[in-house]
Amino acid sequence: MTKADFENYCRRVLIGRKITKVLYGEVNYAFCEELPDEPIRYYHTDFEELHSLDFSIAFMNEDKLIYITWDGTFYQYGLYPFVLAKTEYEAKREQCWDVTEEPMWQPCIGHSIANLEIVWEDIYDVGHTGHKLHIAICPYAFCLKLSNETQVFVSAAELRSDGIEAYGLADNLLVTTNERLAKQINMI
């Protein structure tokens, strides 16, 4: 898939979709004996307007889900959106959290995705000659603009151990509606 094909696909999948519910999907660690009986919501961070997910976010509209996760279409770990029927999402067996009532998501509910900007990251490696080689590009972040001008930022990134800066190409998603914060932690 080319960069242009991917951008066109993402626009077809995302633009015009009305958000009626927001769901977070995390790996279901139920098989681990040391976990408590009741699952714990691990997505909160030290930033009130930033959530960290280990797997996916889904925006539900009338009958479908716009499911965004990390994958390896261009390079592991870039973003990729899918349109799923509700039954397909339920079959994924993720630990699902309905976060529609979270304050961060309230301005988004009932509004459609009006525009999309994809932030691409160049991937380099140092070859055996010691020279920096460009090996791939990767869709690192989606900047979604809604019909009411609210923005949503989704990035295939994780917070460093200091908790104040993000690094990309991670098997994790960072999500926020705060552009200043997204820039401050290098999420976009």
N, C-alpha and C. Protein backbone atom coordinates (compact mmCIF):
# COMPACT_ATOMS: atom_id res chain seq x y z
N MET A 1 0.85 -1.18 0.00
CA MET A 1 0.00 0.00 0.00
C MET A 1 0.89 1.24 0.00
N THR A 2 0.57 2.18 -0.85
CA THR A 2 1.34 3.43 -0.89
C THR A 2 0.82 4.40 0.16
N LYS A 3 1.61 5.40 0.43
CA LYS A 3 1.20 6.45 1.38
C LYS A 3 -0.10 7.11 0.92
N ALA A 4 -0.19 7.43 -0.37
CA ALA A 4 -1.41 8.06 -0.91
C ALA A 4 -2.62 7.13 -0.79
N ASP A 5 -2.43 5.85 -1.11
CA ASP A 5 -3.53 4.88 -0.98
C ASP A 5 -4.01 4.80 0.47
N PHE A 6 -3.06 4.78 1.41
CA PHE A 6 -3.39 4.70 2.83
C PHE A 6 -4.16 5.94 3.27
N GLU A 7 -3.70 7.12 2.87
CA GLU A 7 -4.38 8.36 3.25
C GLU A 7 -5.80 8.40 2.69
N ASN A 8 -5.97 7.97 1.43
CA ASN A 8 -7.32 7.92 0.84
C ASN A 8 -8.20 6.92 1.57
N TYR A 9 -7.66 5.74 1.89
CA TYR A 9 -8.41 4.74 2.65
C TYR A 9 -8.85 5.31 4.00
N CYS A 10 -7.94 5.94 4.72
CA CYS A 10 -8.27 6.50 6.04
C CYS A 10 -9.35 7.56 5.94
N ARG A 11 -9.29 8.39 4.93
CA ARG A 11 -10.33 9.41 4.75
C ARG A 11 -11.69 8.77 4.50
N ARG A 12 -11.71 7.72 3.66
CA ARG A 12 -12.98 7.01 3.40
C ARG A 12 -13.53 6.36 4.67
N VAL A 13 -12.66 5.82 5.48
CA VAL A 13 -13.07 5.11 6.69
C VAL A 13 -13.51 6.08 7.79
N LEU A 14 -12.83 7.21 7.93
CA LEU A 14 -13.02 8.08 9.08
C LEU A 14 -13.93 9.28 8.84
N ILE A 15 -13.75 9.98 7.75
CA ILE A 15 -14.46 11.25 7.56
C ILE A 15 -15.95 11.01 7.34
N GLY A 16 -16.73 11.83 8.03
CA GLY A 16 -18.19 11.76 7.94
C GLY A 16 -18.83 10.87 8.98
N ARG A 17 -18.04 10.12 9.73
CA ARG A 17 -18.59 9.22 10.76
C ARG A 17 -18.95 10.02 12.02
N LYS A 18 -20.16 9.84 12.49
CA LYS A 18 -20.63 10.50 13.69
C LYS A 18 -20.26 9.66 14.91
N ILE A 19 -19.74 10.31 15.93
CA ILE A 19 -19.33 9.61 17.15
C ILE A 19 -20.48 9.62 18.15
N THR A 20 -20.97 8.43 18.49
CA THR A 20 -22.05 8.32 19.48
C THR A 20 -21.56 7.68 20.77
N LYS A 21 -20.42 7.02 20.70
CA LYS A 21 -19.86 6.34 21.87
C LYS A 21 -18.36 6.15 21.64
N VAL A 22 -17.59 6.16 22.73
CA VAL A 22 -16.14 5.93 22.64
C VAL A 22 -15.80 4.74 23.53
N LEU A 23 -15.07 3.80 22.95
CA LEU A 23 -14.67 2.58 23.67
C LEU A 23 -13.16 2.44 23.62
N TYR A 24 -12.58 2.00 24.73
CA TYR A 24 -11.16 1.66 24.77
C TYR A 24 -11.05 0.15 24.84
N GLY A 25 -10.13 -0.39 24.06
CA GLY A 25 -9.86 -1.82 24.12
C GLY A 25 -8.46 -2.05 24.64
N GLU A 26 -8.37 -2.88 25.65
CA GLU A 26 -7.08 -3.24 26.20
C GLU A 26 -6.94 -4.75 26.17
N VAL A 27 -5.71 -5.21 26.14
CA VAL A 27 -5.49 -6.65 26.14
C VAL A 27 -6.17 -7.23 27.38
N ASN A 28 -6.89 -8.32 27.19
CA ASN A 28 -7.58 -8.96 28.30
C ASN A 28 -6.59 -9.89 29.00
N TYR A 29 -6.13 -9.45 30.14
CA TYR A 29 -5.14 -10.21 30.88
C TYR A 29 -5.80 -11.18 31.88
N ALA A 30 -7.04 -11.59 31.61
CA ALA A 30 -7.79 -12.43 32.54
C ALA A 30 -7.07 -13.74 32.84
N PHE A 31 -6.20 -14.17 31.95
CA PHE A 31 -5.49 -15.43 32.16
C PHE A 31 -4.39 -15.32 33.22
N CYS A 32 -4.07 -14.11 33.64
CA CYS A 32 -3.01 -13.92 34.63
C CYS A 32 -3.59 -14.10 36.04
N GLU A 33 -3.02 -14.98 36.81
CA GLU A 33 -3.54 -15.29 38.15
C GLU A 33 -3.41 -14.13 39.12
N GLU A 34 -2.40 -13.28 38.96
CA GLU A 34 -2.17 -12.23 39.94
C GLU A 34 -3.10 -11.03 39.81
N LEU A 35 -3.94 -11.01 38.78
CA LEU A 35 -4.85 -9.88 38.61
C LEU A 35 -6.05 -9.99 39.55
N PRO A 36 -6.59 -8.86 39.97
CA PRO A 36 -7.77 -8.88 40.84
C PRO A 36 -9.00 -9.42 40.10
N ASP A 37 -10.01 -9.80 40.85
CA ASP A 37 -11.24 -10.32 40.25
C ASP A 37 -11.93 -9.29 39.36
N GLU A 38 -11.91 -8.04 39.78
CA GLU A 38 -12.51 -6.96 39.00
C GLU A 38 -11.42 -6.26 38.20
N PRO A 39 -11.57 -6.17 36.89
CA PRO A 39 -10.55 -5.48 36.08
C PRO A 39 -10.37 -4.03 36.51
N ILE A 40 -9.15 -3.56 36.37
CA ILE A 40 -8.80 -2.18 36.75
C ILE A 40 -8.58 -1.38 35.47
N ARG A 41 -9.08 -0.17 35.47
CA ARG A 41 -8.88 0.72 34.33
C ARG A 41 -7.47 1.34 34.43
N TYR A 42 -6.60 0.90 33.55
CA TYR A 42 -5.20 1.33 33.58
C TYR A 42 -4.91 2.50 32.65
N TYR A 43 -5.89 3.05 31.97
CA TYR A 43 -5.61 4.02 30.92
C TYR A 43 -5.32 5.43 31.41
N HIS A 44 -5.61 5.75 32.66
CA HIS A 44 -5.35 7.10 33.16
C HIS A 44 -3.84 7.35 33.29
N THR A 45 -3.44 8.60 33.08
CA THR A 45 -2.04 9.01 33.22
C THR A 45 -1.97 10.17 34.21
N ASP A 46 -0.81 10.72 34.41
CA ASP A 46 -0.66 11.89 35.29
C ASP A 46 -1.27 13.14 34.66
N PHE A 47 -1.55 13.08 33.36
CA PHE A 47 -2.20 14.20 32.67
C PHE A 47 -3.70 13.91 32.58
N GLU A 48 -4.50 14.81 33.10
CA GLU A 48 -5.95 14.60 33.11
C GLU A 48 -6.53 14.38 31.71
N GLU A 49 -5.96 15.05 30.72
CA GLU A 49 -6.50 14.97 29.36
C GLU A 49 -5.70 14.04 28.45
N LEU A 50 -5.04 13.04 29.02
CA LEU A 50 -4.26 12.09 28.23
C LEU A 50 -4.52 10.68 28.75
N HIS A 51 -4.90 9.81 27.84
CA HIS A 51 -5.10 8.40 28.20
C HIS A 51 -4.12 7.54 27.43
N SER A 52 -3.69 6.46 28.08
CA SER A 52 -2.73 5.53 27.51
C SER A 52 -3.39 4.15 27.42
N LEU A 53 -3.48 3.62 26.20
CA LEU A 53 -4.16 2.34 25.98
C LEU A 53 -3.17 1.34 25.41
N ASP A 54 -3.29 0.11 25.80
CA ASP A 54 -2.34 -0.85 25.25
C ASP A 54 -2.81 -1.48 23.95
N PHE A 55 -4.03 -1.12 23.48
CA PHE A 55 -4.41 -1.77 22.23
C PHE A 55 -5.24 -0.94 21.25
N SER A 56 -6.43 -0.46 21.63
CA SER A 56 -7.28 0.16 20.61
C SER A 56 -8.22 1.22 21.18
N ILE A 57 -8.74 2.01 20.26
CA ILE A 57 -9.83 2.94 20.55
C ILE A 57 -10.87 2.72 19.46
N ALA A 58 -12.13 2.79 19.84
CA ALA A 58 -13.21 2.62 18.86
C ALA A 58 -14.22 3.74 19.03
N PHE A 59 -14.58 4.35 17.92
CA PHE A 59 -15.63 5.37 17.90
C PHE A 59 -16.85 4.71 17.29
N MET A 60 -17.91 4.62 18.07
CA MET A 60 -19.12 3.99 17.58
C MET A 60 -20.02 5.04 16.95
N ASN A 61 -20.60 4.67 15.79
CA ASN A 61 -21.69 5.47 15.27
C ASN A 61 -22.91 4.58 15.23
N GLU A 62 -23.92 4.89 14.47
CA GLU A 62 -25.20 4.21 14.56
C GLU A 62 -25.10 2.68 14.59
N ASP A 63 -24.34 2.09 13.70
CA ASP A 63 -24.30 0.64 13.62
C ASP A 63 -22.91 0.05 13.45
N LYS A 64 -21.91 0.88 13.32
CA LYS A 64 -20.54 0.42 13.08
C LYS A 64 -19.60 1.03 14.11
N LEU A 65 -18.41 0.44 14.17
CA LEU A 65 -17.34 0.99 14.99
C LEU A 65 -16.17 1.35 14.10
N ILE A 66 -15.60 2.51 14.34
CA ILE A 66 -14.37 2.89 13.69
C ILE A 66 -13.29 2.51 14.70
N TYR A 67 -12.56 1.48 14.38
CA TYR A 67 -11.63 0.83 15.29
C TYR A 67 -10.21 1.22 14.87
N ILE A 68 -9.46 1.86 15.77
CA ILE A 68 -8.09 2.28 15.47
C ILE A 68 -7.15 1.55 16.42
N THR A 69 -6.14 0.93 15.85
CA THR A 69 -5.15 0.22 16.64
C THR A 69 -3.79 0.36 15.96
N TRP A 70 -2.77 -0.17 16.59
CA TRP A 70 -1.45 -0.22 15.97
C TRP A 70 -1.34 -1.51 15.18
N ASP A 71 -0.59 -1.45 14.10
CA ASP A 71 -0.38 -2.66 13.29
C ASP A 71 0.92 -2.51 12.51
N GLY A 72 1.16 -3.38 11.55
CA GLY A 72 2.41 -3.37 10.82
C GLY A 72 2.26 -3.15 9.34
N THR A 73 1.23 -2.42 8.90
CA THR A 73 1.02 -2.22 7.47
C THR A 73 2.24 -1.58 6.80
N PHE A 74 2.78 -0.54 7.43
CA PHE A 74 3.97 0.10 6.89
C PHE A 74 5.22 -0.32 7.66
N TYR A 75 5.09 -0.30 8.95
CA TYR A 75 6.20 -0.67 9.84
C TYR A 75 5.59 -0.85 11.21
N GLN A 76 6.05 -1.80 11.95
CA GLN A 76 5.52 -2.02 13.29
C GLN A 76 6.03 -0.89 14.16
N TYR A 77 5.34 -0.08 14.77
CA TYR A 77 3.94 -0.03 15.11
C TYR A 77 3.36 1.26 14.57
N GLY A 78 2.59 1.18 13.52
CA GLY A 78 1.90 2.35 12.99
C GLY A 78 0.42 2.22 13.29
N LEU A 79 -0.32 3.26 12.97
CA LEU A 79 -1.77 3.23 13.19
C LEU A 79 -2.49 2.66 11.97
N TYR A 80 -3.65 2.07 12.24
CA TYR A 80 -4.49 1.57 11.15
C TYR A 80 -5.95 1.60 11.61
N PRO A 81 -6.85 2.17 10.80
CA PRO A 81 -8.28 2.18 11.15
C PRO A 81 -9.06 1.09 10.41
N PHE A 82 -10.02 0.52 11.07
CA PHE A 82 -10.91 -0.48 10.48
C PHE A 82 -12.34 -0.04 10.74
N VAL A 83 -13.26 -0.47 9.89
CA VAL A 83 -14.68 -0.33 10.18
C VAL A 83 -15.17 -1.73 10.52
N LEU A 84 -15.76 -1.87 11.70
CA LEU A 84 -16.23 -3.16 12.16
C LEU A 84 -17.70 -3.10 12.54
N ALA A 85 -18.40 -4.20 12.34
CA ALA A 85 -19.73 -4.34 12.91
C ALA A 85 -19.55 -4.56 14.41
N LYS A 86 -20.56 -4.22 15.19
CA LYS A 86 -20.47 -4.37 16.63
C LYS A 86 -20.13 -5.81 17.02
N THR A 87 -20.69 -6.77 16.33
CA THR A 87 -20.42 -8.18 16.65
C THR A 87 -18.97 -8.55 16.37
N GLU A 88 -18.36 -7.94 15.35
CA GLU A 88 -16.95 -8.20 15.06
C GLU A 88 -16.07 -7.67 16.18
N TYR A 89 -16.43 -6.51 16.72
CA TYR A 89 -15.66 -5.93 17.82
C TYR A 89 -15.77 -6.80 19.06
N GLU A 90 -16.98 -7.23 19.37
CA GLU A 90 -17.19 -8.07 20.56
C GLU A 90 -16.42 -9.38 20.45
N ALA A 91 -16.25 -9.88 19.23
CA ALA A 91 -15.54 -11.14 19.02
C ALA A 91 -14.04 -11.00 19.26
N LYS A 92 -13.51 -9.77 19.30
CA LYS A 92 -12.08 -9.56 19.52
C LYS A 92 -11.66 -9.91 20.94
N ARG A 93 -12.61 -9.98 21.84
CA ARG A 93 -12.37 -10.38 23.23
C ARG A 93 -11.36 -9.50 23.96
N GLU A 94 -11.37 -8.24 23.64
CA GLU A 94 -10.55 -7.29 24.38
C GLU A 94 -11.27 -6.92 25.67
N GLN A 95 -10.51 -6.43 26.63
CA GLN A 95 -11.13 -5.82 27.80
C GLN A 95 -11.64 -4.47 27.32
N CYS A 96 -12.94 -4.29 27.30
CA CYS A 96 -13.54 -3.09 26.71
C CYS A 96 -14.03 -2.15 27.80
N TRP A 97 -13.70 -0.88 27.64
CA TRP A 97 -14.17 0.16 28.56
C TRP A 97 -14.98 1.17 27.77
N ASP A 98 -16.21 1.42 28.18
CA ASP A 98 -17.01 2.49 27.60
C ASP A 98 -16.60 3.77 28.32
N VAL A 99 -15.93 4.67 27.62
CA VAL A 99 -15.40 5.90 28.23
C VAL A 99 -16.17 7.13 27.75
N THR A 100 -17.33 6.91 27.19
CA THR A 100 -18.14 8.00 26.65
C THR A 100 -18.38 9.10 27.68
N GLU A 101 -18.54 8.73 28.93
CA GLU A 101 -18.84 9.70 29.99
C GLU A 101 -17.60 10.40 30.55
N GLU A 102 -16.41 9.99 30.12
CA GLU A 102 -15.20 10.68 30.57
C GLU A 102 -15.26 12.14 30.10
N PRO A 103 -14.87 13.09 30.95
CA PRO A 103 -14.94 14.52 30.56
C PRO A 103 -14.26 14.83 29.23
N MET A 104 -13.15 14.15 28.94
CA MET A 104 -12.41 14.42 27.71
C MET A 104 -13.27 14.14 26.47
N TRP A 105 -14.17 13.19 26.55
CA TRP A 105 -14.94 12.77 25.38
C TRP A 105 -16.28 13.48 25.24
N GLN A 106 -16.75 14.17 26.25
CA GLN A 106 -18.06 14.81 26.19
C GLN A 106 -18.23 15.77 25.00
N PRO A 107 -17.24 16.62 24.68
CA PRO A 107 -17.42 17.52 23.53
C PRO A 107 -17.46 16.81 22.18
N CYS A 108 -17.08 15.53 22.14
CA CYS A 108 -17.00 14.79 20.87
C CYS A 108 -18.30 14.06 20.53
N ILE A 109 -19.07 13.72 21.53
CA ILE A 109 -20.26 12.90 21.33
C ILE A 109 -21.31 13.67 20.51
N GLY A 110 -21.81 12.99 19.48
CA GLY A 110 -22.82 13.59 18.61
C GLY A 110 -22.25 14.36 17.44
N HIS A 111 -20.93 14.41 17.32
CA HIS A 111 -20.30 15.15 16.24
C HIS A 111 -19.57 14.21 15.29
N SER A 112 -19.46 14.64 14.05
CA SER A 112 -18.84 13.82 13.00
C SER A 112 -17.39 14.21 12.79
N ILE A 113 -16.62 13.24 12.31
CA ILE A 113 -15.24 13.50 11.94
C ILE A 113 -15.26 14.27 10.62
N ALA A 114 -14.75 15.49 10.62
CA ALA A 114 -14.81 16.36 9.45
C ALA A 114 -13.51 16.39 8.66
N ASN A 115 -12.39 16.14 9.33
CA ASN A 115 -11.11 16.20 8.64
C ASN A 115 -10.10 15.30 9.33
N LEU A 116 -9.09 14.93 8.59
CA LEU A 116 -8.05 14.03 9.09
C LEU A 116 -6.69 14.51 8.61
N GLU A 117 -5.74 14.57 9.52
CA GLU A 117 -4.35 14.78 9.16
C GLU A 117 -3.57 13.60 9.71
N ILE A 118 -2.72 13.02 8.90
CA ILE A 118 -1.89 11.90 9.33
C ILE A 118 -0.47 12.41 9.51
N VAL A 119 0.10 12.15 10.67
CA VAL A 119 1.49 12.50 10.94
C VAL A 119 2.32 11.25 10.63
N TRP A 120 3.23 11.40 9.68
CA TRP A 120 4.09 10.29 9.26
C TRP A 120 5.45 10.41 9.93
N GLU A 121 6.03 9.29 10.26
CA GLU A 121 7.38 9.27 10.83
C GLU A 121 8.29 8.47 9.91
N ASP A 122 9.45 9.03 9.64
CA ASP A 122 10.46 8.31 8.86
C ASP A 122 11.22 7.37 9.79
N ILE A 123 11.46 6.16 9.31
CA ILE A 123 12.16 5.14 10.09
C ILE A 123 13.55 4.95 9.48
N TYR A 124 14.56 5.03 10.32
CA TYR A 124 15.94 4.89 9.87
C TYR A 124 16.63 3.74 10.61
N ASP A 125 17.64 3.22 9.99
CA ASP A 125 18.49 2.20 10.59
C ASP A 125 19.92 2.52 10.20
N VAL A 126 20.84 2.10 11.01
CA VAL A 126 22.25 2.27 10.69
C VAL A 126 22.73 0.95 10.11
N GLY A 127 23.07 0.98 8.84
CA GLY A 127 23.54 -0.23 8.16
C GLY A 127 24.94 -0.62 8.59
N HIS A 128 25.44 -1.68 8.03
CA HIS A 128 26.78 -2.18 8.37
C HIS A 128 27.89 -1.20 8.01
N THR A 129 27.57 -0.24 7.14
CA THR A 129 28.56 0.78 6.77
C THR A 129 28.60 1.93 7.78
N GLY A 130 27.62 1.94 8.70
CA GLY A 130 27.55 3.02 9.68
C GLY A 130 26.76 4.22 9.20
N HIS A 131 26.23 4.14 7.98
CA HIS A 131 25.43 5.24 7.44
C HIS A 131 23.96 5.06 7.81
N LYS A 132 23.31 6.17 8.04
CA LYS A 132 21.89 6.18 8.37
C LYS A 132 21.09 5.87 7.10
N LEU A 133 20.29 4.80 7.15
CA LEU A 133 19.50 4.37 5.99
C LEU A 133 18.02 4.54 6.26
N HIS A 134 17.33 5.16 5.32
CA HIS A 134 15.88 5.28 5.42
C HIS A 134 15.28 3.94 5.03
N ILE A 135 14.53 3.33 5.95
CA ILE A 135 13.98 2.00 5.66
C ILE A 135 12.47 1.96 5.51
N ALA A 136 11.76 2.95 6.06
CA ALA A 136 10.30 2.92 5.97
C ALA A 136 9.70 4.25 6.41
N ILE A 137 8.41 4.38 6.16
CA ILE A 137 7.61 5.45 6.73
C ILE A 137 6.50 4.78 7.53
N CYS A 138 5.97 5.52 8.47
CA CYS A 138 4.99 4.91 9.37
C CYS A 138 3.94 5.96 9.75
N PRO A 139 2.63 5.61 9.69
CA PRO A 139 1.60 6.53 10.16
C PRO A 139 1.61 6.57 11.69
N TYR A 140 2.23 7.59 12.23
CA TYR A 140 2.51 7.71 13.66
C TYR A 140 1.33 8.27 14.45
N ALA A 141 0.59 9.21 13.87
CA ALA A 141 -0.51 9.85 14.61
C ALA A 141 -1.62 10.25 13.65
N PHE A 142 -2.86 10.21 14.18
CA PHE A 142 -4.02 10.72 13.48
C PHE A 142 -4.49 11.96 14.24
N CYS A 143 -4.69 13.05 13.51
CA CYS A 143 -5.27 14.27 14.07
C CYS A 143 -6.65 14.40 13.44
N LEU A 144 -7.66 14.15 14.22
CA LEU A 144 -9.05 14.20 13.74
C LEU A 144 -9.68 15.52 14.14
N LYS A 145 -10.29 16.18 13.19
CA LYS A 145 -11.02 17.42 13.50
C LYS A 145 -12.51 17.11 13.35
N LEU A 146 -13.27 17.41 14.38
CA LEU A 146 -14.70 17.12 14.38
C LEU A 146 -15.51 18.30 13.87
N SER A 147 -16.78 18.03 13.59
CA SER A 147 -17.66 19.05 13.02
C SER A 147 -17.85 20.25 13.95
N ASN A 148 -17.59 20.09 15.25
CA ASN A 148 -17.71 21.22 16.19
C ASN A 148 -16.35 21.85 16.50
N GLU A 149 -15.33 21.54 15.69
CA GLU A 149 -13.97 22.07 15.80
C GLU A 149 -13.14 21.40 16.90
N THR A 150 -13.71 20.47 17.67
CA THR A 150 -12.93 19.70 18.64
C THR A 150 -11.93 18.85 17.88
N GLN A 151 -10.75 18.70 18.45
CA GLN A 151 -9.73 17.86 17.82
C GLN A 151 -9.44 16.65 18.70
N VAL A 152 -9.17 15.52 18.05
CA VAL A 152 -8.80 14.28 18.73
C VAL A 152 -7.46 13.84 18.15
N PHE A 153 -6.54 13.52 19.05
CA PHE A 153 -5.21 13.08 18.64
C PHE A 153 -4.99 11.66 19.12
N VAL A 154 -4.68 10.78 18.18
CA VAL A 154 -4.39 9.38 18.50
C VAL A 154 -3.01 9.08 17.96
N SER A 155 -2.15 8.56 18.81
CA SER A 155 -0.77 8.30 18.40
C SER A 155 -0.33 6.91 18.83
N ALA A 156 0.42 6.24 17.96
CA ALA A 156 1.03 4.95 18.31
C ALA A 156 2.28 5.25 19.11
N ALA A 157 2.08 5.56 20.38
CA ALA A 157 3.16 6.02 21.23
C ALA A 157 2.90 5.61 22.68
N GLU A 158 3.92 5.78 23.47
CA GLU A 158 3.84 5.43 24.89
C GLU A 158 4.61 6.49 25.67
N LEU A 159 4.23 6.71 26.91
CA LEU A 159 4.96 7.64 27.75
C LEU A 159 6.26 6.99 28.23
N ARG A 160 7.33 7.77 28.22
CA ARG A 160 8.60 7.28 28.78
C ARG A 160 8.42 7.06 30.29
N SER A 161 9.37 6.44 30.90
CA SER A 161 9.27 6.14 32.34
C SER A 161 9.15 7.41 33.18
N ASP A 162 9.63 8.56 32.65
CA ASP A 162 9.49 9.81 33.40
C ASP A 162 8.05 10.33 33.36
N GLY A 163 7.22 9.75 32.48
CA GLY A 163 5.81 10.12 32.41
C GLY A 163 5.52 11.46 31.80
N ILE A 164 6.53 12.14 31.23
CA ILE A 164 6.29 13.48 30.70
C ILE A 164 6.62 13.63 29.23
N GLU A 165 7.06 12.56 28.57
CA GLU A 165 7.38 12.63 27.16
C GLU A 165 7.03 11.29 26.51
N ALA A 166 6.54 11.39 25.27
CA ALA A 166 6.15 10.18 24.54
C ALA A 166 7.26 9.74 23.60
N TYR A 167 7.28 8.46 23.33
CA TYR A 167 8.13 7.92 22.27
C TYR A 167 7.26 7.06 21.38
N GLY A 168 7.56 7.07 20.10
CA GLY A 168 6.73 6.40 19.12
C GLY A 168 7.15 4.97 18.83
N LEU A 169 6.43 4.38 17.87
CA LEU A 169 6.64 3.01 17.45
C LEU A 169 6.49 2.06 18.63
N ALA A 170 5.41 2.24 19.37
CA ALA A 170 5.15 1.42 20.55
C ALA A 170 3.85 0.64 20.35
N ASP A 171 3.75 -0.46 21.07
CA ASP A 171 2.52 -1.25 21.04
C ASP A 171 1.55 -0.67 22.07
N ASN A 172 1.21 0.59 21.85
CA ASN A 172 0.40 1.35 22.79
C ASN A 172 -0.19 2.54 22.03
N LEU A 173 -1.28 3.06 22.51
CA LEU A 173 -1.87 4.28 21.95
C LEU A 173 -1.94 5.35 23.02
N LEU A 174 -1.64 6.58 22.63
CA LEU A 174 -1.91 7.73 23.48
C LEU A 174 -3.03 8.51 22.80
N VAL A 175 -4.01 8.96 23.59
CA VAL A 175 -5.12 9.73 23.04
C VAL A 175 -5.39 10.96 23.90
N THR A 176 -5.69 12.07 23.22
CA THR A 176 -6.03 13.30 23.91
C THR A 176 -6.88 14.17 22.99
N THR A 177 -7.52 15.15 23.57
CA THR A 177 -8.24 16.16 22.80
C THR A 177 -7.56 17.53 22.99
N ASN A 178 -6.39 17.53 23.58
CA ASN A 178 -5.67 18.76 23.89
C ASN A 178 -4.43 18.87 23.00
N GLU A 179 -4.50 19.74 22.00
CA GLU A 179 -3.39 19.89 21.05
C GLU A 179 -2.11 20.36 21.72
N ARG A 180 -2.24 21.31 22.64
CA ARG A 180 -1.06 21.82 23.33
C ARG A 180 -0.34 20.68 24.07
N LEU A 181 -1.09 19.84 24.75
CA LEU A 181 -0.51 18.70 25.47
C LEU A 181 0.11 17.70 24.50
N ALA A 182 -0.58 17.42 23.40
CA ALA A 182 -0.05 16.48 22.39
C ALA A 182 1.32 16.95 21.88
N LYS A 183 1.46 18.24 21.66
CA LYS A 183 2.74 18.80 21.20
C LYS A 183 3.78 18.80 22.32
N GLN A 184 3.35 19.15 23.53
CA GLN A 184 4.25 19.23 24.68
C GLN A 184 4.95 17.89 24.95
N ILE A 185 4.23 16.79 24.83
CA ILE A 185 4.83 15.49 25.13
C ILE A 185 5.36 14.78 23.89
N ASN A 186 5.39 15.49 22.76
CA ASN A 186 5.90 14.95 21.47
C ASN A 186 5.05 13.80 20.95
N MET A 187 3.76 13.91 21.16
CA MET A 187 2.83 12.91 20.64
C MET A 187 2.50 13.17 19.18
N ILE A 188 2.58 14.42 18.76
CA ILE A 188 2.36 14.79 17.36
C ILE A 188 3.51 15.68 16.91
